[in-house]
Amino acid sequence: MTKQELLKRTKSYALRVIKAVRALPGDGVAEVLGRQLLRAGTSVGANYRAACRAKSPADFINKLKIVEEECDESLYWMELLVESGLLPLGRLEALMREGEEILSIAVAAIRTTRARRTS
């Protein structure tokens, strides 16, 4: 996957997170969880974009670690939304799968970059 493809993919992920949050009911719990999901889910693309402008391999790894953390956190909020009954699994299943794939890509990129630095 190219840098440009992943930039598009992470932005698309953020847009899908926005749509999911908009689908939440208007109660207080949904608002709190939705705000957390919105923050973490949109942060994935923003931080990957920052990683693409890293000044060094160490900076790249540090920024990708933020992508990893925010992506994992967004998955956590989606799990809570489903398990609390605020959104059905069918509404978030594809988005969660995409989050897991982006997370795997970030982890693999971190490992690859670390391996290249030590060889």
PDB file of N, CA and C in Angstrom:
ATOM      1  N   MET A   1       0.847  -1.171   0.000  1.00  0.00           N
ATOM      2  CA  MET A   1       0.000   0.000   0.000  1.00  0.00           C
ATOM      3  C   MET A   1       0.894   1.236   0.000  1.00  0.00           C
ATOM      4  N   THR A   2       0.591   2.178  -0.876  1.00  0.00           N
ATOM      5  CA  THR A   2       1.396   3.390  -0.958  1.00  0.00           C
ATOM      6  C   THR A   2       0.995   4.389   0.120  1.00  0.00           C
ATOM      7  N   LYS A   3       1.865   5.356   0.324  1.00  0.00           N
ATOM      8  CA  LYS A   3       1.578   6.424   1.280  1.00  0.00           C
ATOM      9  C   LYS A   3       0.286   7.142   0.910  1.00  0.00           C
ATOM     10  N   GLN A   4       0.108   7.432  -0.370  1.00  0.00           N
ATOM     11  CA  GLN A   4      -1.091   8.140  -0.829  1.00  0.00           C
ATOM     12  C   GLN A   4      -2.357   7.313  -0.596  1.00  0.00           C
ATOM     13  N   GLU A   5      -2.260   6.025  -0.836  1.00  0.00           N
ATOM     14  CA  GLU A   5      -3.413   5.153  -0.608  1.00  0.00           C
ATOM     15  C   GLU A   5      -3.801   5.123   0.871  1.00  0.00           C
ATOM     16  N   LEU A   6      -2.795   5.059   1.747  1.00  0.00           N
ATOM     17  CA  LEU A   6      -3.097   5.029   3.174  1.00  0.00           C
ATOM     18  C   LEU A   6      -3.596   6.393   3.662  1.00  0.00           C
ATOM     19  N   LEU A   7      -3.104   7.466   3.072  1.00  0.00           N
ATOM     20  CA  LEU A   7      -3.641   8.788   3.413  1.00  0.00           C
ATOM     21  C   LEU A   7      -5.134   8.853   3.080  1.00  0.00           C
ATOM     22  N   LYS A   8      -5.497   8.370   1.905  1.00  0.00           N
ATOM     23  CA  LYS A   8      -6.911   8.355   1.511  1.00  0.00           C
ATOM     24  C   LYS A   8      -7.723   7.434   2.418  1.00  0.00           C
ATOM     25  N   ARG A   9      -7.147   6.308   2.731  1.00  0.00           N
ATOM     26  CA  ARG A   9      -7.857   5.312   3.542  1.00  0.00           C
ATOM     27  C   ARG A   9      -8.108   5.823   4.959  1.00  0.00           C
ATOM     28  N   THR A  10      -7.123   6.490   5.545  1.00  0.00           N
ATOM     29  CA  THR A  10      -7.313   7.001   6.901  1.00  0.00           C
ATOM     30  C   THR A  10      -8.275   8.190   6.919  1.00  0.00           C
ATOM     31  N   LYS A  11      -8.291   8.977   5.851  1.00  0.00           N
ATOM     32  CA  LYS A  11      -9.261  10.068   5.786  1.00  0.00           C
ATOM     33  C   LYS A  11     -10.673   9.507   5.616  1.00  0.00           C
ATOM     34  N   SER A  12     -10.812   8.505   4.785  1.00  0.00           N
ATOM     35  CA  SER A  12     -12.106   7.847   4.609  1.00  0.00           C
ATOM     36  C   SER A  12     -12.586   7.257   5.924  1.00  0.00           C
ATOM     37  N   TYR A  13     -11.669   6.678   6.691  1.00  0.00           N
ATOM     38  CA  TYR A  13     -12.003   6.132   8.009  1.00  0.00           C
ATOM     39  C   TYR A  13     -12.570   7.236   8.899  1.00  0.00           C
ATOM     40  N   ALA A  14     -11.916   8.382   8.903  1.00  0.00           N
ATOM     41  CA  ALA A  14     -12.383   9.511   9.714  1.00  0.00           C
ATOM     42  C   ALA A  14     -13.784   9.946   9.285  1.00  0.00           C
ATOM     43  N   LEU A  15     -14.017  10.018   7.998  1.00  0.00           N
ATOM     44  CA  LEU A  15     -15.339  10.424   7.505  1.00  0.00           C
ATOM     45  C   LEU A  15     -16.414   9.408   7.898  1.00  0.00           C
ATOM     46  N   ARG A  16     -16.067   8.147   7.863  1.00  0.00           N
ATOM     47  CA  ARG A  16     -17.014   7.103   8.272  1.00  0.00           C
ATOM     48  C   ARG A  16     -17.290   7.160   9.772  1.00  0.00           C
ATOM     49  N   VAL A  17     -16.263   7.501  10.552  1.00  0.00           N
ATOM     50  CA  VAL A  17     -16.461   7.676  11.991  1.00  0.00           C
ATOM     51  C   VAL A  17     -17.429   8.828  12.236  1.00  0.00           C
ATOM     52  N   ILE A  18     -17.267   9.921  11.506  1.00  0.00           N
ATOM     53  CA  ILE A  18     -18.166  11.073  11.641  1.00  0.00           C
ATOM     54  C   ILE A  18     -19.606  10.654  11.369  1.00  0.00           C
ATOM     55  N   LYS A  19     -19.816   9.883  10.317  1.00  0.00           N
ATOM     56  CA  LYS A  19     -21.169   9.416   9.994  1.00  0.00           C
ATOM     57  C   LYS A  19     -21.733   8.519  11.093  1.00  0.00           C
ATOM     58  N   ALA A  20     -20.896   7.668  11.647  1.00  0.00           N
ATOM     59  CA  ALA A  20     -21.349   6.775  12.719  1.00  0.00           C
ATOM     60  C   ALA A  20     -21.750   7.578  13.956  1.00  0.00           C
ATOM     61  N   VAL A  21     -20.967   8.579  14.289  1.00  0.00           N
ATOM     62  CA  VAL A  21     -21.278   9.407  15.459  1.00  0.00           C
ATOM     63  C   VAL A  21     -22.580  10.164  15.236  1.00  0.00           C
ATOM     64  N   ARG A  22     -22.798  10.629  14.024  1.00  0.00           N
ATOM     65  CA  ARG A  22     -24.047  11.330  13.716  1.00  0.00           C
ATOM     66  C   ARG A  22     -25.265  10.422  13.842  1.00  0.00           C
ATOM     67  N   ALA A  23     -25.066   9.110  13.730  1.00  0.00           N
ATOM     68  CA  ALA A  23     -26.177   8.160  13.821  1.00  0.00           C
ATOM     69  C   ALA A  23     -26.550   7.816  15.268  1.00  0.00           C
ATOM     70  N   LEU A  24     -25.776   8.305  16.212  1.00  0.00           N
ATOM     71  CA  LEU A  24     -26.049   7.995  17.622  1.00  0.00           C
ATOM     72  C   LEU A  24     -27.302   8.703  18.117  1.00  0.00           C
ATOM     73  N   PRO A  25     -27.977   8.087  19.091  1.00  0.00           N
ATOM     74  CA  PRO A  25     -29.121   8.767  19.705  1.00  0.00           C
ATOM     75  C   PRO A  25     -28.630  10.003  20.479  1.00  0.00           C
ATOM     76  N   GLY A  26     -29.551  10.866  20.840  1.00  0.00           N
ATOM     77  CA  GLY A  26     -29.188  12.127  21.474  1.00  0.00           C
ATOM     78  C   GLY A  26     -29.050  12.092  22.983  1.00  0.00           C
ATOM     79  N   ASP A  27     -28.932  10.923  23.600  1.00  0.00           N
ATOM     80  CA  ASP A  27     -28.821  10.911  25.064  1.00  0.00           C
ATOM     81  C   ASP A  27     -27.396  11.217  25.523  1.00  0.00           C
ATOM     82  N   GLY A  28     -27.249  11.466  26.802  1.00  0.00           N
ATOM     83  CA  GLY A  28     -25.972  11.894  27.364  1.00  0.00           C
ATOM     84  C   GLY A  28     -24.850  10.889  27.212  1.00  0.00           C
ATOM     85  N   VAL A  29     -25.150   9.622  27.447  1.00  0.00           N
ATOM     86  CA  VAL A  29     -24.118   8.593  27.324  1.00  0.00           C
ATOM     87  C   VAL A  29     -23.619   8.509  25.887  1.00  0.00           C
ATOM     88  N   ALA A  30     -24.544   8.507  24.940  1.00  0.00           N
ATOM     89  CA  ALA A  30     -24.168   8.437  23.524  1.00  0.00           C
ATOM     90  C   ALA A  30     -23.329   9.648  23.131  1.00  0.00           C
ATOM     91  N   GLU A  31     -23.658  10.794  23.667  1.00  0.00           N
ATOM     92  CA  GLU A  31     -22.883  11.998  23.353  1.00  0.00           C
ATOM     93  C   GLU A  31     -21.453  11.896  23.862  1.00  0.00           C
ATOM     94  N   VAL A  32     -21.282  11.398  25.074  1.00  0.00           N
ATOM     95  CA  VAL A  32     -19.936  11.264  25.644  1.00  0.00           C
ATOM     96  C   VAL A  32     -19.120  10.236  24.858  1.00  0.00           C
ATOM     97  N   LEU A  33     -19.700   9.062  24.642  1.00  0.00           N
ATOM     98  CA  LEU A  33     -18.983   8.026  23.894  1.00  0.00           C
ATOM     99  C   LEU A  33     -18.723   8.473  22.454  1.00  0.00           C
ATOM    100  N   GLY A  34     -19.706   9.124  21.852  1.00  0.00           N
ATOM    101  CA  GLY A  34     -19.543   9.615  20.486  1.00  0.00           C
ATOM    102  C   GLY A  34     -18.434  10.635  20.377  1.00  0.00           C
ATOM    103  N   ARG A  35     -18.341  11.519  21.348  1.00  0.00           N
ATOM    104  CA  ARG A  35     -17.282  12.538  21.337  1.00  0.00           C
ATOM    105  C   ARG A  35     -15.910  11.880  21.429  1.00  0.00           C
ATOM    106  N   GLN A  36     -15.805  10.852  22.263  1.00  0.00           N
ATOM    107  CA  GLN A  36     -14.537  10.130  22.398  1.00  0.00           C
ATOM    108  C   GLN A  36     -14.170   9.424  21.088  1.00  0.00           C
ATOM    109  N   LEU A  37     -15.165   8.766  20.482  1.00  0.00           N
ATOM    110  CA  LEU A  37     -14.933   8.088  19.209  1.00  0.00           C
ATOM    111  C   LEU A  37     -14.552   9.089  18.129  1.00  0.00           C
ATOM    112  N   LEU A  38     -15.237  10.196  18.087  1.00  0.00           N
ATOM    113  CA  LEU A  38     -14.960  11.222  17.083  1.00  0.00           C
ATOM    114  C   LEU A  38     -13.527  11.733  17.210  1.00  0.00           C
ATOM    115  N   ARG A  39     -13.105  12.002  18.430  1.00  0.00           N
ATOM    116  CA  ARG A  39     -11.751  12.499  18.664  1.00  0.00           C
ATOM    117  C   ARG A  39     -10.700  11.467  18.236  1.00  0.00           C
ATOM    118  N   ALA A  40     -10.866  10.228  18.695  1.00  0.00           N
ATOM    119  CA  ALA A  40      -9.874   9.184  18.390  1.00  0.00           C
ATOM    120  C   ALA A  40      -9.903   8.800  16.914  1.00  0.00           C
ATOM    121  N   GLY A  41     -11.095   8.609  16.372  1.00  0.00           N
ATOM    122  CA  GLY A  41     -11.215   8.144  14.988  1.00  0.00           C
ATOM    123  C   GLY A  41     -10.716   9.144  13.958  1.00  0.00           C
ATOM    124  N   THR A  42     -10.952  10.423  14.198  1.00  0.00           N
ATOM    125  CA  THR A  42     -10.462  11.430  13.248  1.00  0.00           C
ATOM    126  C   THR A  42      -8.974  11.702  13.443  1.00  0.00           C
ATOM    127  N   SER A  43      -8.473  11.386  14.619  1.00  0.00           N
ATOM    128  CA  SER A  43      -7.058  11.573  14.913  1.00  0.00           C
ATOM    129  C   SER A  43      -6.169  10.595  14.148  1.00  0.00           C
ATOM    130  N   VAL A  44      -6.715   9.455  13.796  1.00  0.00           N
ATOM    131  CA  VAL A  44      -5.934   8.432  13.077  1.00  0.00           C
ATOM    132  C   VAL A  44      -5.355   9.025  11.785  1.00  0.00           C
ATOM    133  N   GLY A  45      -6.203   9.606  10.964  1.00  0.00           N
ATOM    134  CA  GLY A  45      -5.744  10.182   9.696  1.00  0.00           C
ATOM    135  C   GLY A  45      -4.850  11.383   9.885  1.00  0.00           C
ATOM    136  N   ALA A  46      -5.186  12.225  10.857  1.00  0.00           N
ATOM    137  CA  ALA A  46      -4.373  13.422  11.100  1.00  0.00           C
ATOM    138  C   ALA A  46      -2.962  13.036  11.530  1.00  0.00           C
ATOM    139  N   ASN A  47      -2.870  12.025  12.379  1.00  0.00           N
ATOM    140  CA  ASN A  47      -1.546  11.607  12.841  1.00  0.00           C
ATOM    141  C   ASN A  47      -0.781  10.826  11.787  1.00  0.00           C
ATOM    142  N   TYR A  48      -1.474  10.090  10.930  1.00  0.00           N
ATOM    143  CA  TYR A  48      -0.760   9.431   9.832  1.00  0.00           C
ATOM    144  C   TYR A  48      -0.212  10.497   8.878  1.00  0.00           C
ATOM    145  N   ARG A  49      -0.989  11.519   8.637  1.00  0.00           N
ATOM    146  CA  ARG A  49      -0.533  12.627   7.793  1.00  0.00           C
ATOM    147  C   ARG A  49       0.726  13.262   8.389  1.00  0.00           C
ATOM    148  N   ALA A  50       0.737  13.445   9.706  1.00  0.00           N
ATOM    149  CA  ALA A  50       1.924  13.982  10.378  1.00  0.00           C
ATOM    150  C   ALA A  50       3.108  13.027  10.252  1.00  0.00           C
ATOM    151  N   ALA A  51       2.845  11.730  10.336  1.00  0.00           N
ATOM    152  CA  ALA A  51       3.918  10.738  10.195  1.00  0.00           C
ATOM    153  C   ALA A  51       4.564  10.814   8.822  1.00  0.00           C
ATOM    154  N   CYS A  52       3.765  11.115   7.816  1.00  0.00           N
ATOM    155  CA  CYS A  52       4.290  11.225   6.450  1.00  0.00           C
ATOM    156  C   CYS A  52       5.258  12.394   6.313  1.00  0.00           C
ATOM    157  N   ARG A  53       5.206  13.321   7.236  1.00  0.00           N
ATOM    158  CA  ARG A  53       6.097  14.481   7.214  1.00  0.00           C
ATOM    159  C   ARG A  53       7.182  14.383   8.290  1.00  0.00           C
ATOM    160  N   ALA A  54       7.398  13.194   8.799  1.00  0.00           N
ATOM    161  CA  ALA A  54       8.386  12.987   9.859  1.00  0.00           C
ATOM    162  C   ALA A  54       9.778  13.410   9.397  1.00  0.00           C
ATOM    163  N   LYS A  55      10.551  13.893  10.341  1.00  0.00           N
ATOM    164  CA  LYS A  55      11.887  14.412  10.051  1.00  0.00           C
ATOM    165  C   LYS A  55      12.974  13.330  10.127  1.00  0.00           C
ATOM    166  N   SER A  56      12.632  12.189  10.728  1.00  0.00           N
ATOM    167  CA  SER A  56      13.605  11.111  10.888  1.00  0.00           C
ATOM    168  C   SER A  56      12.845   9.804  11.084  1.00  0.00           C
ATOM    169  N   PRO A  57      13.544   8.680  10.958  1.00  0.00           N
ATOM    170  CA  PRO A  57      12.880   7.404  11.232  1.00  0.00           C
ATOM    171  C   PRO A  57      12.316   7.335  12.662  1.00  0.00           C
ATOM    172  N   ALA A  58      13.034   7.894  13.633  1.00  0.00           N
ATOM    173  CA  ALA A  58      12.544   7.890  15.015  1.00  0.00           C
ATOM    174  C   ALA A  58      11.266   8.722  15.134  1.00  0.00           C
ATOM    175  N   ASP A  59      11.231   9.860  14.468  1.00  0.00           N
ATOM    176  CA  ASP A  59      10.042  10.715  14.470  1.00  0.00           C
ATOM    177  C   ASP A  59       8.876   9.994  13.798  1.00  0.00           C
ATOM    178  N   PHE A  60       9.155   9.307  12.697  1.00  0.00           N
ATOM    179  CA  PHE A  60       8.137   8.525  11.986  1.00  0.00           C
ATOM    180  C   PHE A  60       7.534   7.464  12.906  1.00  0.00           C
ATOM    181  N   ILE A  61       8.392   6.738  13.615  1.00  0.00           N
ATOM    182  CA  ILE A  61       7.919   5.700  14.534  1.00  0.00           C
ATOM    183  C   ILE A  61       7.062   6.315  15.629  1.00  0.00           C
ATOM    184  N   ASN A  62       7.526   7.406  16.205  1.00  0.00           N
ATOM    185  CA  ASN A  62       6.760   8.050  17.282  1.00  0.00           C
ATOM    186  C   ASN A  62       5.378   8.480  16.805  1.00  0.00           C
ATOM    187  N   LYS A  63       5.291   9.031  15.614  1.00  0.00           N
ATOM    188  CA  LYS A  63       4.005   9.472  15.083  1.00  0.00           C
ATOM    189  C   LYS A  63       3.113   8.269  14.742  1.00  0.00           C
ATOM    190  N   LEU A  64       3.718   7.222  14.218  1.00  0.00           N
ATOM    191  CA  LEU A  64       2.941   6.014  13.928  1.00  0.00           C
ATOM    192  C   LEU A  64       2.448   5.345  15.206  1.00  0.00           C
ATOM    193  N   LYS A  65       3.196   5.455  16.299  1.00  0.00           N
ATOM    194  CA  LYS A  65       2.732   4.918  17.579  1.00  0.00           C
ATOM    195  C   LYS A  65       1.458   5.654  18.016  1.00  0.00           C
ATOM    196  N   ILE A  66       1.356   6.939  17.710  1.00  0.00           N
ATOM    197  CA  ILE A  66       0.135   7.691  18.028  1.00  0.00           C
ATOM    198  C   ILE A  66      -1.009   7.182  17.159  1.00  0.00           C
ATOM    199  N   VAL A  67      -0.742   6.923  15.885  1.00  0.00           N
ATOM    200  CA  VAL A  67      -1.759   6.340  15.001  1.00  0.00           C
ATOM    201  C   VAL A  67      -2.242   5.020  15.592  1.00  0.00           C
ATOM    202  N   GLU A  68      -1.312   4.190  16.007  1.00  0.00           N
ATOM    203  CA  GLU A  68      -1.658   2.897  16.612  1.00  0.00           C
ATOM    204  C   GLU A  68      -2.557   3.083  17.835  1.00  0.00           C
ATOM    205  N   GLU A  69      -2.167   3.975  18.723  1.00  0.00           N
ATOM    206  CA  GLU A  69      -2.940   4.202  19.950  1.00  0.00           C
ATOM    207  C   GLU A  69      -4.338   4.744  19.664  1.00  0.00           C
ATOM    208  N   GLU A  70      -4.429   5.719  18.770  1.00  0.00           N
ATOM    209  CA  GLU A  70      -5.724   6.333  18.474  1.00  0.00           C
ATOM    210  C   GLU A  70      -6.642   5.358  17.740  1.00  0.00           C
ATOM    211  N   CYS A  71      -6.081   4.545  16.875  1.00  0.00           N
ATOM    212  CA  CYS A  71      -6.882   3.560  16.155  1.00  0.00           C
ATOM    213  C   CYS A  71      -7.418   2.513  17.130  1.00  0.00           C
ATOM    214  N   ASP A  72      -6.557   2.039  18.016  1.00  0.00           N
ATOM    215  CA  ASP A  72      -6.986   1.067  19.015  1.00  0.00           C
ATOM    216  C   ASP A  72      -8.048   1.685  19.931  1.00  0.00           C
ATOM    217  N   GLU A  73      -7.865   2.937  20.300  1.00  0.00           N
ATOM    218  CA  GLU A  73      -8.849   3.600  21.151  1.00  0.00           C
ATOM    219  C   GLU A  73     -10.188   3.748  20.436  1.00  0.00           C
ATOM    220  N   SER A  74     -10.164   4.081  19.161  1.00  0.00           N
ATOM    221  CA  SER A  74     -11.426   4.218  18.428  1.00  0.00           C
ATOM    222  C   SER A  74     -12.166   2.880  18.380  1.00  0.00           C
ATOM    223  N   LEU A  75     -11.421   1.787  18.257  1.00  0.00           N
ATOM    224  CA  LEU A  75     -12.044   0.460  18.289  1.00  0.00           C
ATOM    225  C   LEU A  75     -12.691   0.201  19.646  1.00  0.00           C
ATOM    226  N   TYR A  76     -12.039   0.628  20.708  1.00  0.00           N
ATOM    227  CA  TYR A  76     -12.596   0.470  22.049  1.00  0.00           C
ATOM    228  C   TYR A  76     -13.940   1.198  22.169  1.00  0.00           C
ATOM    229  N   TRP A  77     -14.005   2.445  21.708  1.00  0.00           N
ATOM    230  CA  TRP A  77     -15.254   3.208  21.805  1.00  0.00           C
ATOM    231  C   TRP A  77     -16.349   2.567  20.974  1.00  0.00           C
ATOM    232  N   MET A  78     -15.992   2.039  19.802  1.00  0.00           N
ATOM    233  CA  MET A  78     -17.002   1.359  18.991  1.00  0.00           C
ATOM    234  C   MET A  78     -17.508   0.093  19.685  1.00  0.00           C
ATOM    235  N   GLU A  79     -16.592  -0.650  20.320  1.00  0.00           N
ATOM    236  CA  GLU A  79     -17.020  -1.828  21.075  1.00  0.00           C
ATOM    237  C   GLU A  79     -18.018  -1.432  22.168  1.00  0.00           C
ATOM    238  N   LEU A  80     -17.735  -0.349  22.870  1.00  0.00           N
ATOM    239  CA  LEU A  80     -18.647   0.111  23.919  1.00  0.00           C
ATOM    240  C   LEU A  80     -20.003   0.512  23.344  1.00  0.00           C
ATOM    241  N   LEU A  81     -19.992   1.172  22.199  1.00  0.00           N
ATOM    242  CA  LEU A  81     -21.257   1.576  21.578  1.00  0.00           C
ATOM    243  C   LEU A  81     -22.104   0.362  21.216  1.00  0.00           C
ATOM    244  N   VAL A  82     -21.459  -0.677  20.710  1.00  0.00           N
ATOM    245  CA  VAL A  82     -22.185  -1.899  20.342  1.00  0.00           C
ATOM    246  C   VAL A  82     -22.636  -2.648  21.590  1.00  0.00           C
ATOM    247  N   GLU A  83     -21.723  -2.864  22.523  1.00  0.00           N
ATOM    248  CA  GLU A  83     -22.030  -3.670  23.704  1.00  0.00           C
ATOM    249  C   GLU A  83     -23.027  -2.984  24.639  1.00  0.00           C
ATOM    250  N   SER A  84     -23.120  -1.655  24.569  1.00  0.00           N
ATOM    251  CA  SER A  84     -24.099  -0.936  25.386  1.00  0.00           C
ATOM    252  C   SER A  84     -25.449  -0.834  24.690  1.00  0.00           C
ATOM    253  N   GLY A  85     -25.512  -1.279  23.445  1.00  0.00           N
ATOM    254  CA  GLY A  85     -26.764  -1.252  22.700  1.00  0.00           C
ATOM    255  C   GLY A  85     -27.086   0.082  22.056  1.00  0.00           C
ATOM    256  N   LEU A  86     -26.126   1.012  22.040  1.00  0.00           N
ATOM    257  CA  LEU A  86     -26.385   2.321  21.427  1.00  0.00           C
ATOM    258  C   LEU A  86     -26.371   2.266  19.900  1.00  0.00           C
ATOM    259  N   LEU A  87     -25.577   1.366  19.341  1.00  0.00           N
ATOM    260  CA  LEU A  87     -25.577   1.126  17.893  1.00  0.00           C
ATOM    261  C   LEU A  87     -25.495  -0.377  17.661  1.00  0.00           C
ATOM    262  N   PRO A  88     -26.179  -0.869  16.643  1.00  0.00           N
ATOM    263  CA  PRO A  88     -26.088  -2.306  16.349  1.00  0.00           C
ATOM    264  C   PRO A  88     -24.740  -2.647  15.711  1.00  0.00           C
ATOM    265  N   LEU A  89     -24.287  -3.853  15.952  1.00  0.00           N
ATOM    266  CA  LEU A  89     -23.020  -4.306  15.377  1.00  0.00           C
ATOM    267  C   LEU A  89     -23.012  -4.126  13.868  1.00  0.00           C
ATOM    268  N   GLY A  90     -24.139  -4.411  13.228  1.00  0.00           N
ATOM    269  CA  GLY A  90     -24.213  -4.275  11.775  1.00  0.00           C
ATOM    270  C   GLY A  90     -23.873  -2.876  11.287  1.00  0.00           C
ATOM    271  N   ARG A  91     -24.132  -1.879  12.102  1.00  0.00           N
ATOM    272  CA  ARG A  91     -23.851  -0.482  11.725  1.00  0.00           C
ATOM    273  C   ARG A  91     -22.358  -0.170  11.804  1.00  0.00           C
ATOM    274  N   LEU A  92     -21.644  -0.869  12.708  1.00  0.00           N
ATOM    275  CA  LEU A  92     -20.221  -0.566  12.927  1.00  0.00           C
ATOM    276  C   LEU A  92     -19.262  -1.660  12.479  1.00  0.00           C
ATOM    277  N   GLU A  93     -19.780  -2.810  12.103  1.00  0.00           N
ATOM    278  CA  GLU A  93     -18.920  -3.959  11.813  1.00  0.00           C
ATOM    279  C   GLU A  93     -17.858  -3.667  10.746  1.00  0.00           C
ATOM    280  N   ALA A  94     -18.253  -3.106   9.634  1.00  0.00           N
ATOM    281  CA  ALA A  94     -17.292  -2.812   8.562  1.00  0.00           C
ATOM    282  C   ALA A  94     -16.292  -1.746   8.995  1.00  0.00           C
ATOM    283  N   LEU A  95     -16.762  -0.755   9.731  1.00  0.00           N
ATOM    284  CA  LEU A  95     -15.875   0.300  10.217  1.00  0.00           C
ATOM    285  C   LEU A  95     -14.872  -0.260  11.222  1.00  0.00           C
ATOM    286  N   MET A  96     -15.321  -1.159  12.067  1.00  0.00           N
ATOM    287  CA  MET A  96     -14.414  -1.793  13.025  1.00  0.00           C
ATOM    288  C   MET A  96     -13.377  -2.658  12.306  1.00  0.00           C
ATOM    289  N   ARG A  97     -13.804  -3.356  11.285  1.00  0.00           N
ATOM    290  CA  ARG A  97     -12.870  -4.172  10.502  1.00  0.00           C
ATOM    291  C   ARG A  97     -11.816  -3.270   9.842  1.00  0.00           C
ATOM    292  N   GLU A  98     -12.247  -2.142   9.306  1.00  0.00           N
ATOM    293  CA  GLU A  98     -11.308  -1.197   8.699  1.00  0.00           C
ATOM    294  C   GLU A  98     -10.336  -0.659   9.752  1.00  0.00           C
ATOM    295  N   GLY A  99     -10.832  -0.355  10.934  1.00  0.00           N
ATOM    296  CA  GLY A  99      -9.959   0.099  12.015  1.00  0.00           C
ATOM    297  C   GLY A  99      -8.919  -0.942  12.376  1.00  0.00           C
ATOM    298  N   GLU A 100      -9.337  -2.202  12.426  1.00  0.00           N
ATOM    299  CA  GLU A 100      -8.395  -3.290  12.723  1.00  0.00           C
ATOM    300  C   GLU A 100      -7.335  -3.418  11.632  1.00  0.00           C
ATOM    301  N   GLU A 101      -7.731  -3.234  10.378  1.00  0.00           N
ATOM    302  CA  GLU A 101      -6.770  -3.313   9.277  1.00  0.00           C
ATOM    303  C   GLU A 101      -5.783  -2.151   9.323  1.00  0.00           C
ATOM    304  N   ILE A 102      -6.272  -0.943   9.569  1.00  0.00           N
ATOM    305  CA  ILE A 102      -5.382   0.212   9.677  1.00  0.00           C
ATOM    306  C   ILE A 102      -4.429   0.025  10.853  1.00  0.00           C
ATOM    307  N   LEU A 103      -4.934  -0.484  11.947  1.00  0.00           N
ATOM    308  CA  LEU A 103      -4.098  -0.757  13.116  1.00  0.00           C
ATOM    309  C   LEU A 103      -2.994  -1.746  12.757  1.00  0.00           C
ATOM    310  N   SER A 104      -3.341  -2.811  12.057  1.00  0.00           N
ATOM    311  CA  SER A 104      -2.343  -3.810  11.644  1.00  0.00           C
ATOM    312  C   SER A 104      -1.289  -3.204  10.726  1.00  0.00           C
ATOM    313  N   ILE A 105      -1.712  -2.340   9.820  1.00  0.00           N
ATOM    314  CA  ILE A 105      -0.771  -1.680   8.902  1.00  0.00           C
ATOM    315  C   ILE A 105       0.190  -0.802   9.688  1.00  0.00           C
ATOM    316  N   ALA A 106      -0.337  -0.044  10.655  1.00  0.00           N
ATOM    317  CA  ALA A 106       0.518   0.829  11.461  1.00  0.00           C
ATOM    318  C   ALA A 106       1.537   0.021  12.255  1.00  0.00           C
ATOM    319  N   VAL A 107       1.094  -1.062  12.873  1.00  0.00           N
ATOM    320  CA  VAL A 107       1.994  -1.907  13.665  1.00  0.00           C
ATOM    321  C   VAL A 107       3.079  -2.509  12.765  1.00  0.00           C
ATOM    322  N   ALA A 108       2.696  -2.973  11.583  1.00  0.00           N
ATOM    323  CA  ALA A 108       3.668  -3.551  10.657  1.00  0.00           C
ATOM    324  C   ALA A 108       4.673  -2.502  10.192  1.00  0.00           C
ATOM    325  N   ALA A 109       4.206  -1.286   9.937  1.00  0.00           N
ATOM    326  CA  ALA A 109       5.107  -0.212   9.502  1.00  0.00           C
ATOM    327  C   ALA A 109       6.095   0.156  10.606  1.00  0.00           C
ATOM    328  N   ILE A 110       5.631   0.147  11.843  1.00  0.00           N
ATOM    329  CA  ILE A 110       6.526   0.425  12.979  1.00  0.00           C
ATOM    330  C   ILE A 110       7.602  -0.654  13.059  1.00  0.00           C
ATOM    331  N   ARG A 111       7.193  -1.912  12.966  1.00  0.00           N
ATOM    332  CA  ARG A 111       8.158  -3.023  13.033  1.00  0.00           C
ATOM    333  C   ARG A 111       9.175  -2.949  11.893  1.00  0.00           C
ATOM    334  N   THR A 112       8.680  -2.688  10.688  1.00  0.00           N
ATOM    335  CA  THR A 112       9.568  -2.606   9.528  1.00  0.00           C
ATOM    336  C   THR A 112      10.571  -1.475   9.681  1.00  0.00           C
ATOM    337  N   THR A 113      10.097  -0.323  10.111  1.00  0.00           N
ATOM    338  CA  THR A 113      10.980   0.832  10.277  1.00  0.00           C
ATOM    339  C   THR A 113      12.026   0.567  11.355  1.00  0.00           C
ATOM    340  N   ARG A 114      11.613  -0.059  12.449  1.00  0.00           N
ATOM    341  CA  ARG A 114      12.575  -0.411  13.520  1.00  0.00           C
ATOM    342  C   ARG A 114      13.614  -1.400  13.004  1.00  0.00           C
ATOM    343  N   ALA A 115      13.172  -2.380  12.236  1.00  0.00           N
ATOM    344  CA  ALA A 115      14.102  -3.395  11.703  1.00  0.00           C
ATOM    345  C   ALA A 115      15.110  -2.766  10.764  1.00  0.00           C
ATOM    346  N   ARG A 116      14.672  -1.831   9.950  1.00  0.00           N
ATOM    347  CA  ARG A 116      15.592  -1.157   9.016  1.00  0.00           C
ATOM    348  C   ARG A 116      16.618  -0.305   9.764  1.00  0.00           C
ATOM    349  N   ARG A 117      16.206   0.265  10.887  1.00  0.00           N
ATOM    350  CA  ARG A 117      17.109   1.110  11.666  1.00  0.00           C
ATOM    351  C   ARG A 117      18.210   0.299  12.318  1.00  0.00           C
ATOM    352  N   THR A 118      17.940  -0.964  12.652  1.00  0.00           N
ATOM    353  CA  THR A 118      18.912  -1.780  13.350  1.00  0.00           C
ATOM    354  C   THR A 118      19.777  -2.609  12.420  1.00  0.00           C
ATOM    355  N   SER A 119      19.452  -2.610  11.136  1.00  0.00           N
ATOM    356  CA  SER A 119      20.262  -3.441  10.215  1.00  0.00           C
ATOM    357  C   SER A 119      21.327  -2.632   9.520  1.00  0.00           C
TER     358      SER A 119
END
